[in-house]
Each structure stands twice: as C-alpha cells, then as structure tokens.
Amino acid sequence: MRRITSRAERANPMLALPALCEMLALEPASKAALRALLLDLRADAKSRADHSWRRRKPPMAAYWAAVAVYAGHLARLLR
C-alpha cells in the first residue's frame, strides 16, 4: 500500500481507518459492487439532504449531507 500523508488524511479521513487495507485487498468484482453501492448511497443521501433543506429541517439535512460525504470518500478509495 502506498504511504499515506497527514495531508491526505485531512482530505479523506477514511484513509485513517484500520480496516482500509482489508477493503483495498478485495477482489476487483467485490470492490466494484461495493463502490456502486456507496455511490448509490451518496446520491440518495444528497437527495435527502436537499429535501430536508427545502423542508427547513437543518439537523436532518446536515446528517444526510455527512452521510453523502463519507460514502463519497469511501467510494473514491475503491477506484
């Protein structure tokens, strides 16, 4: 695995997770399926965040926005 700098961990906090090596060691088909799932989750969470903002529910909007960001970070690692 490549060396991870502290700067990279600030940009993608998922790099600091202990199970990251196991996730990156998955077979390509498994990685692709997991990545697709995470991208679907990201899109759904972004949609829910937008809906919550329009309904004037900031706590739920913030929650769903955070879910979208974390799902996107994980999906990006599986490229």
PDB file of N, CA and C in Angstrom:
ATOM      1  N   MET A   1       0.836  -1.175   0.000  1.00  0.00           N
ATOM      2  CA  MET A   1       0.000   0.000   0.000  1.00  0.00           C
ATOM      3  C   MET A   1       0.878   1.234   0.000  1.00  0.00           C
ATOM      4  N   ARG A   2       0.393   2.277  -0.634  1.00  0.00           N
ATOM      5  CA  ARG A   2       1.192   3.495  -0.698  1.00  0.00           C
ATOM      6  C   ARG A   2       1.222   4.214   0.646  1.00  0.00           C
ATOM      7  N   ARG A   3       2.224   5.035   0.823  1.00  0.00           N
ATOM      8  CA  ARG A   3       2.357   5.795   2.060  1.00  0.00           C
ATOM      9  C   ARG A   3       1.290   6.882   2.093  1.00  0.00           C
ATOM     10  N   ILE A   4       0.653   7.015   3.224  1.00  0.00           N
ATOM     11  CA  ILE A   4      -0.422   7.986   3.382  1.00  0.00           C
ATOM     12  C   ILE A   4       0.103   9.138   4.233  1.00  0.00           C
ATOM     13  N   THR A   5       0.028  10.335   3.688  1.00  0.00           N
ATOM     14  CA  THR A   5       0.499  11.504   4.427  1.00  0.00           C
ATOM     15  C   THR A   5      -0.626  12.077   5.266  1.00  0.00           C
ATOM     16  N   SER A   6      -0.271  12.885   6.233  1.00  0.00           N
ATOM     17  CA  SER A   6      -1.293  13.502   7.078  1.00  0.00           C
ATOM     18  C   SER A   6      -2.165  14.444   6.252  1.00  0.00           C
ATOM     19  N   ARG A   7      -1.590  15.019   5.200  1.00  0.00           N
ATOM     20  CA  ARG A   7      -2.378  15.906   4.343  1.00  0.00           C
ATOM     21  C   ARG A   7      -3.485  15.110   3.645  1.00  0.00           C
ATOM     22  N   ALA A   8      -3.167  13.914   3.165  1.00  0.00           N
ATOM     23  CA  ALA A   8      -4.166  13.073   2.512  1.00  0.00           C
ATOM     24  C   ALA A   8      -5.262  12.674   3.493  1.00  0.00           C
ATOM     25  N   GLU A   9      -4.900  12.420   4.736  1.00  0.00           N
ATOM     26  CA  GLU A   9      -5.895  12.047   5.740  1.00  0.00           C
ATOM     27  C   GLU A   9      -6.840  13.198   6.044  1.00  0.00           C
ATOM     28  N   ARG A  10      -6.373  14.422   5.908  1.00  0.00           N
ATOM     29  CA  ARG A  10      -7.275  15.567   6.101  1.00  0.00           C
ATOM     30  C   ARG A  10      -8.253  15.661   4.940  1.00  0.00           C
ATOM     31  N   ALA A  11      -7.793  15.371   3.735  1.00  0.00           N
ATOM     32  CA  ALA A  11      -8.663  15.436   2.564  1.00  0.00           C
ATOM     33  C   ALA A  11      -9.652  14.272   2.550  1.00  0.00           C
ATOM     34  N   ASN A  12      -9.224  13.106   3.004  1.00  0.00           N
ATOM     35  CA  ASN A  12     -10.090  11.923   3.040  1.00  0.00           C
ATOM     36  C   ASN A  12      -9.857  11.191   4.359  1.00  0.00           C
ATOM     37  N   PRO A  13     -10.666  11.488   5.375  1.00  0.00           N
ATOM     38  CA  PRO A  13     -10.458  10.880   6.701  1.00  0.00           C
ATOM     39  C   PRO A  13     -10.600   9.363   6.715  1.00  0.00           C
ATOM     40  N   MET A  14     -11.160   8.797   5.686  1.00  0.00           N
ATOM     41  CA  MET A  14     -11.299   7.343   5.619  1.00  0.00           C
ATOM     42  C   MET A  14      -9.941   6.655   5.533  1.00  0.00           C
ATOM     43  N   LEU A  15      -8.909   7.376   5.100  1.00  0.00           N
ATOM     44  CA  LEU A  15      -7.569   6.801   4.990  1.00  0.00           C
ATOM     45  C   LEU A  15      -7.001   6.385   6.344  1.00  0.00           C
ATOM     46  N   ALA A  16      -7.538   6.921   7.416  1.00  0.00           N
ATOM     47  CA  ALA A  16      -7.046   6.606   8.757  1.00  0.00           C
ATOM     48  C   ALA A  16      -7.712   5.372   9.366  1.00  0.00           C
ATOM     49  N   LEU A  17      -8.693   4.807   8.689  1.00  0.00           N
ATOM     50  CA  LEU A  17      -9.402   3.654   9.244  1.00  0.00           C
ATOM     51  C   LEU A  17      -8.533   2.395   9.189  1.00  0.00           C
ATOM     52  N   PRO A  18      -8.489   1.620  10.277  1.00  0.00           N
ATOM     53  CA  PRO A  18      -7.670   0.410  10.310  1.00  0.00           C
ATOM     54  C   PRO A  18      -8.092  -0.645   9.282  1.00  0.00           C
ATOM     55  N   ALA A  19      -9.367  -0.727   8.965  1.00  0.00           N
ATOM     56  CA  ALA A  19      -9.851  -1.762   8.049  1.00  0.00           C
ATOM     57  C   ALA A  19      -9.662  -1.387   6.576  1.00  0.00           C
ATOM     58  N   LEU A  20      -9.060  -0.241   6.316  1.00  0.00           N
ATOM     59  CA  LEU A  20      -8.883   0.204   4.932  1.00  0.00           C
ATOM     60  C   LEU A  20      -8.082  -0.797   4.108  1.00  0.00           C
ATOM     61  N   CYS A  21      -7.022  -1.353   4.663  1.00  0.00           N
ATOM     62  CA  CYS A  21      -6.199  -2.327   3.925  1.00  0.00           C
ATOM     63  C   CYS A  21      -7.029  -3.534   3.501  1.00  0.00           C
ATOM     64  N   GLU A  22      -7.910  -4.004   4.379  1.00  0.00           N
ATOM     65  CA  GLU A  22      -8.765  -5.139   4.044  1.00  0.00           C
ATOM     66  C   GLU A  22      -9.721  -4.784   2.911  1.00  0.00           C
ATOM     67  N   MET A  23     -10.253  -3.576   2.953  1.00  0.00           N
ATOM     68  CA  MET A  23     -11.170  -3.143   1.914  1.00  0.00           C
ATOM     69  C   MET A  23     -10.452  -3.034   0.566  1.00  0.00           C
ATOM     70  N   LEU A  24      -9.250  -2.506   0.578  1.00  0.00           N
ATOM     71  CA  LEU A  24      -8.494  -2.354  -0.662  1.00  0.00           C
ATOM     72  C   LEU A  24      -7.996  -3.682  -1.209  1.00  0.00           C
ATOM     73  N   ALA A  25      -7.944  -4.714  -0.362  1.00  0.00           N
ATOM     74  CA  ALA A  25      -7.476  -6.035  -0.790  1.00  0.00           C
ATOM     75  C   ALA A  25      -8.595  -6.891  -1.388  1.00  0.00           C
ATOM     76  N   LEU A  26      -9.801  -6.375  -1.433  1.00  0.00           N
ATOM     77  CA  LEU A  26     -10.915  -7.130  -2.008  1.00  0.00           C
ATOM     78  C   LEU A  26     -10.665  -7.403  -3.492  1.00  0.00           C
ATOM     79  N   GLU A  27     -11.319  -8.450  -3.987  1.00  0.00           N
ATOM     80  CA  GLU A  27     -11.235  -8.772  -5.414  1.00  0.00           C
ATOM     81  C   GLU A  27     -11.875  -7.637  -6.209  1.00  0.00           C
ATOM     82  N   PRO A  28     -11.431  -7.422  -7.444  1.00  0.00           N
ATOM     83  CA  PRO A  28     -11.970  -6.321  -8.249  1.00  0.00           C
ATOM     84  C   PRO A  28     -13.492  -6.315  -8.375  1.00  0.00           C
ATOM     85  N   ALA A  29     -14.100  -7.489  -8.540  1.00  0.00           N
ATOM     86  CA  ALA A  29     -15.565  -7.545  -8.659  1.00  0.00           C
ATOM     87  C   ALA A  29     -16.243  -7.091  -7.360  1.00  0.00           C
ATOM     88  N   SER A  30     -15.686  -7.490  -6.232  1.00  0.00           N
ATOM     89  CA  SER A  30     -16.244  -7.083  -4.940  1.00  0.00           C
ATOM     90  C   SER A  30     -16.079  -5.582  -4.735  1.00  0.00           C
ATOM     91  N   LYS A  31     -14.909  -5.072  -5.100  1.00  0.00           N
ATOM     92  CA  LYS A  31     -14.671  -3.626  -4.987  1.00  0.00           C
ATOM     93  C   LYS A  31     -15.662  -2.851  -5.850  1.00  0.00           C
ATOM     94  N   ALA A  32     -15.895  -3.330  -7.075  1.00  0.00           N
ATOM     95  CA  ALA A  32     -16.809  -2.636  -7.981  1.00  0.00           C
ATOM     96  C   ALA A  32     -18.233  -2.633  -7.433  1.00  0.00           C
ATOM     97  N   ALA A  33     -18.657  -3.753  -6.873  1.00  0.00           N
ATOM     98  CA  ALA A  33     -20.005  -3.828  -6.298  1.00  0.00           C
ATOM     99  C   ALA A  33     -20.134  -2.912  -5.089  1.00  0.00           C
ATOM    100  N   LEU A  34     -19.133  -2.911  -4.229  1.00  0.00           N
ATOM    101  CA  LEU A  34     -19.151  -2.050  -3.047  1.00  0.00           C
ATOM    102  C   LEU A  34     -19.130  -0.580  -3.454  1.00  0.00           C
ATOM    103  N   ARG A  35     -18.319  -0.255  -4.461  1.00  0.00           N
ATOM    104  CA  ARG A  35     -18.243   1.124  -4.939  1.00  0.00           C
ATOM    105  C   ARG A  35     -19.592   1.575  -5.495  1.00  0.00           C
ATOM    106  N   ALA A  36     -20.257   0.707  -6.268  1.00  0.00           N
ATOM    107  CA  ALA A  36     -21.577   1.040  -6.812  1.00  0.00           C
ATOM    108  C   ALA A  36     -22.581   1.291  -5.695  1.00  0.00           C
ATOM    109  N   LEU A  37     -22.544   0.452  -4.674  1.00  0.00           N
ATOM    110  CA  LEU A  37     -23.432   0.629  -3.524  1.00  0.00           C
ATOM    111  C   LEU A  37     -23.173   1.970  -2.837  1.00  0.00           C
ATOM    112  N   LEU A  38     -21.908   2.295  -2.624  1.00  0.00           N
ATOM    113  CA  LEU A  38     -21.562   3.551  -1.961  1.00  0.00           C
ATOM    114  C   LEU A  38     -21.957   4.766  -2.796  1.00  0.00           C
ATOM    115  N   LEU A  39     -21.804   4.678  -4.106  1.00  0.00           N
ATOM    116  CA  LEU A  39     -22.213   5.786  -4.967  1.00  0.00           C
ATOM    117  C   LEU A  39     -23.730   5.962  -4.962  1.00  0.00           C
ATOM    118  N   ASP A  40     -24.467   4.838  -4.902  1.00  0.00           N
ATOM    119  CA  ASP A  40     -25.929   4.924  -4.775  1.00  0.00           C
ATOM    120  C   ASP A  40     -26.309   5.569  -3.443  1.00  0.00           C
ATOM    121  N   LEU A  41     -25.644   5.143  -2.386  1.00  0.00           N
ATOM    122  CA  LEU A  41     -25.895   5.724  -1.060  1.00  0.00           C
ATOM    123  C   LEU A  41     -25.610   7.220  -1.079  1.00  0.00           C
ATOM    124  N   ARG A  42     -24.507   7.610  -1.707  1.00  0.00           N
ATOM    125  CA  ARG A  42     -24.143   9.026  -1.789  1.00  0.00           C
ATOM    126  C   ARG A  42     -25.224   9.832  -2.507  1.00  0.00           C
ATOM    127  N   ALA A  43     -25.688   9.332  -3.634  1.00  0.00           N
ATOM    128  CA  ALA A  43     -26.719  10.042  -4.395  1.00  0.00           C
ATOM    129  C   ALA A  43     -28.022  10.148  -3.598  1.00  0.00           C
ATOM    130  N   ASP A  44     -28.420   9.053  -2.954  1.00  0.00           N
ATOM    131  CA  ASP A  44     -29.643   9.063  -2.157  1.00  0.00           C
ATOM    132  C   ASP A  44     -29.522  10.024  -0.982  1.00  0.00           C
ATOM    133  N   ALA A  45     -28.381  10.010  -0.314  1.00  0.00           N
ATOM    134  CA  ALA A  45     -28.188  10.886   0.844  1.00  0.00           C
ATOM    135  C   ALA A  45     -28.177  12.358   0.425  1.00  0.00           C
ATOM    136  N   LYS A  46     -27.559  12.657  -0.724  1.00  0.00           N
ATOM    137  CA  LYS A  46     -27.572  14.043  -1.215  1.00  0.00           C
ATOM    138  C   LYS A  46     -28.998  14.493  -1.507  1.00  0.00           C
ATOM    139  N   SER A  47     -29.784  13.613  -2.099  1.00  0.00           N
ATOM    140  CA  SER A  47     -31.172  13.933  -2.396  1.00  0.00           C
ATOM    141  C   SER A  47     -31.964  14.185  -1.112  1.00  0.00           C
ATOM    142  N   ARG A  48     -31.738  13.335  -0.120  1.00  0.00           N
ATOM    143  CA  ARG A  48     -32.434  13.506   1.165  1.00  0.00           C
ATOM    144  C   ARG A  48     -31.995  14.792   1.870  1.00  0.00           C
ATOM    145  N   ALA A  49     -30.724  15.133   1.750  1.00  0.00           N
ATOM    146  CA  ALA A  49     -30.239  16.379   2.353  1.00  0.00           C
ATOM    147  C   ALA A  49     -30.912  17.580   1.692  1.00  0.00           C
ATOM    148  N   ASP A  50     -30.978  17.576   0.370  1.00  0.00           N
ATOM    149  CA  ASP A  50     -31.639  18.673  -0.345  1.00  0.00           C
ATOM    150  C   ASP A  50     -33.103  18.784   0.050  1.00  0.00           C
ATOM    151  N   HIS A  51     -33.772  17.639   0.139  1.00  0.00           N
ATOM    152  CA  HIS A  51     -35.182  17.620   0.536  1.00  0.00           C
ATOM    153  C   HIS A  51     -35.346  18.190   1.949  1.00  0.00           C
ATOM    154  N   SER A  52     -34.457  17.816   2.856  1.00  0.00           N
ATOM    155  CA  SER A  52     -34.544  18.307   4.234  1.00  0.00           C
ATOM    156  C   SER A  52     -34.306  19.808   4.301  1.00  0.00           C
ATOM    157  N   TRP A  53     -33.372  20.333   3.510  1.00  0.00           N
ATOM    158  CA  TRP A  53     -33.142  21.780   3.492  1.00  0.00           C
ATOM    159  C   TRP A  53     -34.387  22.507   3.007  1.00  0.00           C
ATOM    160  N   ARG A  54     -35.017  21.977   1.948  1.00  0.00           N
ATOM    161  CA  ARG A  54     -36.227  22.621   1.423  1.00  0.00           C
ATOM    162  C   ARG A  54     -37.369  22.583   2.444  1.00  0.00           C
ATOM    163  N   ARG A  55     -37.406  21.548   3.274  1.00  0.00           N
ATOM    164  CA  ARG A  55     -38.446  21.409   4.301  1.00  0.00           C
ATOM    165  C   ARG A  55     -38.060  22.118   5.611  1.00  0.00           C
ATOM    166  N   ARG A  56     -36.951  22.845   5.565  1.00  0.00           N
ATOM    167  CA  ARG A  56     -36.473  23.611   6.727  1.00  0.00           C
ATOM    168  C   ARG A  56     -36.208  22.724   7.941  1.00  0.00           C
ATOM    169  N   LYS A  57     -35.482  21.630   7.690  1.00  0.00           N
ATOM    170  CA  LYS A  57     -35.087  20.703   8.760  1.00  0.00           C
ATOM    171  C   LYS A  57     -33.564  20.574   8.735  1.00  0.00           C
ATOM    172  N   PRO A  58     -32.869  21.615   9.222  1.00  0.00           N
ATOM    173  CA  PRO A  58     -31.401  21.626   9.134  1.00  0.00           C
ATOM    174  C   PRO A  58     -30.696  20.458   9.816  1.00  0.00           C
ATOM    175  N   PRO A  59     -31.142  19.963  10.973  1.00  0.00           N
ATOM    176  CA  PRO A  59     -30.411  18.833  11.574  1.00  0.00           C
ATOM    177  C   PRO A  59     -30.408  17.589  10.673  1.00  0.00           C
ATOM    178  N   MET A  60     -31.548  17.291  10.065  1.00  0.00           N
ATOM    179  CA  MET A  60     -31.608  16.130   9.178  1.00  0.00           C
ATOM    180  C   MET A  60     -30.818  16.389   7.898  1.00  0.00           C
ATOM    181  N   ALA A  61     -30.861  17.620   7.406  1.00  0.00           N
ATOM    182  CA  ALA A  61     -30.098  17.962   6.209  1.00  0.00           C
ATOM    183  C   ALA A  61     -28.606  17.784   6.471  1.00  0.00           C
ATOM    184  N   ALA A  62     -28.155  18.225   7.629  1.00  0.00           N
ATOM    185  CA  ALA A  62     -26.740  18.078   7.976  1.00  0.00           C
ATOM    186  C   ALA A  62     -26.363  16.604   8.105  1.00  0.00           C
ATOM    187  N   TYR A  63     -27.231  15.819   8.708  1.00  0.00           N
ATOM    188  CA  TYR A  63     -26.976  14.386   8.847  1.00  0.00           C
ATOM    189  C   TYR A  63     -26.806  13.737   7.475  1.00  0.00           C
ATOM    190  N   TRP A  64     -27.781  13.965   6.577  1.00  0.00           N
ATOM    191  CA  TRP A  64     -27.720  13.329   5.262  1.00  0.00           C
ATOM    192  C   TRP A  64     -26.557  13.856   4.427  1.00  0.00           C
ATOM    193  N   ALA A  65     -26.215  15.113   4.596  1.00  0.00           N
ATOM    194  CA  ALA A  65     -25.058  15.649   3.882  1.00  0.00           C
ATOM    195  C   ALA A  65     -23.778  14.953   4.345  1.00  0.00           C
ATOM    196  N   ALA A  66     -23.673  14.702   5.643  1.00  0.00           N
ATOM    197  CA  ALA A  66     -22.493  13.999   6.166  1.00  0.00           C
ATOM    198  C   ALA A  66     -22.443  12.561   5.651  1.00  0.00           C
ATOM    199  N   VAL A  67     -23.583  11.887   5.600  1.00  0.00           N
ATOM    200  CA  VAL A  67     -23.633  10.530   5.057  1.00  0.00           C
ATOM    201  C   VAL A  67     -23.140  10.537   3.614  1.00  0.00           C
ATOM    202  N   ALA A  68     -23.573  11.503   2.838  1.00  0.00           N
ATOM    203  CA  ALA A  68     -23.163  11.597   1.430  1.00  0.00           C
ATOM    204  C   ALA A  68     -21.662  11.800   1.301  1.00  0.00           C
ATOM    205  N   VAL A  69     -21.102  12.646   2.152  1.00  0.00           N
ATOM    206  CA  VAL A  69     -19.659  12.914   2.083  1.00  0.00           C
ATOM    207  C   VAL A  69     -18.862  11.662   2.432  1.00  0.00           C
ATOM    208  N   TYR A  70     -19.221  10.992   3.509  1.00  0.00           N
ATOM    209  CA  TYR A  70     -18.481   9.787   3.906  1.00  0.00           C
ATOM    210  C   TYR A  70     -18.611   8.672   2.871  1.00  0.00           C
ATOM    211  N   ALA A  71     -19.803   8.499   2.300  1.00  0.00           N
ATOM    212  CA  ALA A  71     -19.974   7.482   1.269  1.00  0.00           C
ATOM    213  C   ALA A  71     -19.125   7.814   0.048  1.00  0.00           C
ATOM    214  N   GLY A  72     -19.064   9.095  -0.293  1.00  0.00           N
ATOM    215  CA  GLY A  72     -18.235   9.510  -1.423  1.00  0.00           C
ATOM    216  C   GLY A  72     -16.749   9.285  -1.168  1.00  0.00           C
ATOM    217  N   HIS A  73     -16.310   9.582   0.058  1.00  0.00           N
ATOM    218  CA  HIS A  73     -14.898   9.343   0.413  1.00  0.00           C
ATOM    219  C   HIS A  73     -14.543   7.866   0.261  1.00  0.00           C
ATOM    220  N   LEU A  74     -15.398   6.994   0.756  1.00  0.00           N
ATOM    221  CA  LEU A  74     -15.125   5.557   0.663  1.00  0.00           C
ATOM    222  C   LEU A  74     -15.160   5.078  -0.783  1.00  0.00           C
ATOM    223  N   ALA A  75     -16.138   5.553  -1.545  1.00  0.00           N
ATOM    224  CA  ALA A  75     -16.226   5.144  -2.949  1.00  0.00           C
ATOM    225  C   ALA A  75     -14.986   5.571  -3.725  1.00  0.00           C
ATOM    226  N   ARG A  76     -14.483   6.754  -3.417  1.00  0.00           N
ATOM    227  CA  ARG A  76     -13.297   7.254  -4.113  1.00  0.00           C
ATOM    228  C   ARG A  76     -12.086   6.371  -3.856  1.00  0.00           C
ATOM    229  N   LEU A  77     -12.003   5.769  -2.696  1.00  0.00           N
ATOM    230  CA  LEU A  77     -10.881   4.887  -2.371  1.00  0.00           C
ATOM    231  C   LEU A  77     -10.937   3.586  -3.162  1.00  0.00           C
ATOM    232  N   LEU A  78     -12.103   3.226  -3.647  1.00  0.00           N
ATOM    233  CA  LEU A  78     -12.269   1.950  -4.346  1.00  0.00           C
ATOM    234  C   LEU A  78     -12.091   2.059  -5.860  1.00  0.00           C
ATOM    235  N   ARG A  79     -11.644   3.188  -6.354  1.00  0.00           N
ATOM    236  CA  ARG A  79     -11.435   3.343  -7.800  1.00  0.00           C
ATOM    237  C   ARG A  79     -10.447   2.370  -8.324  1.00  0.00           C
TER     238      ARG A  79
END
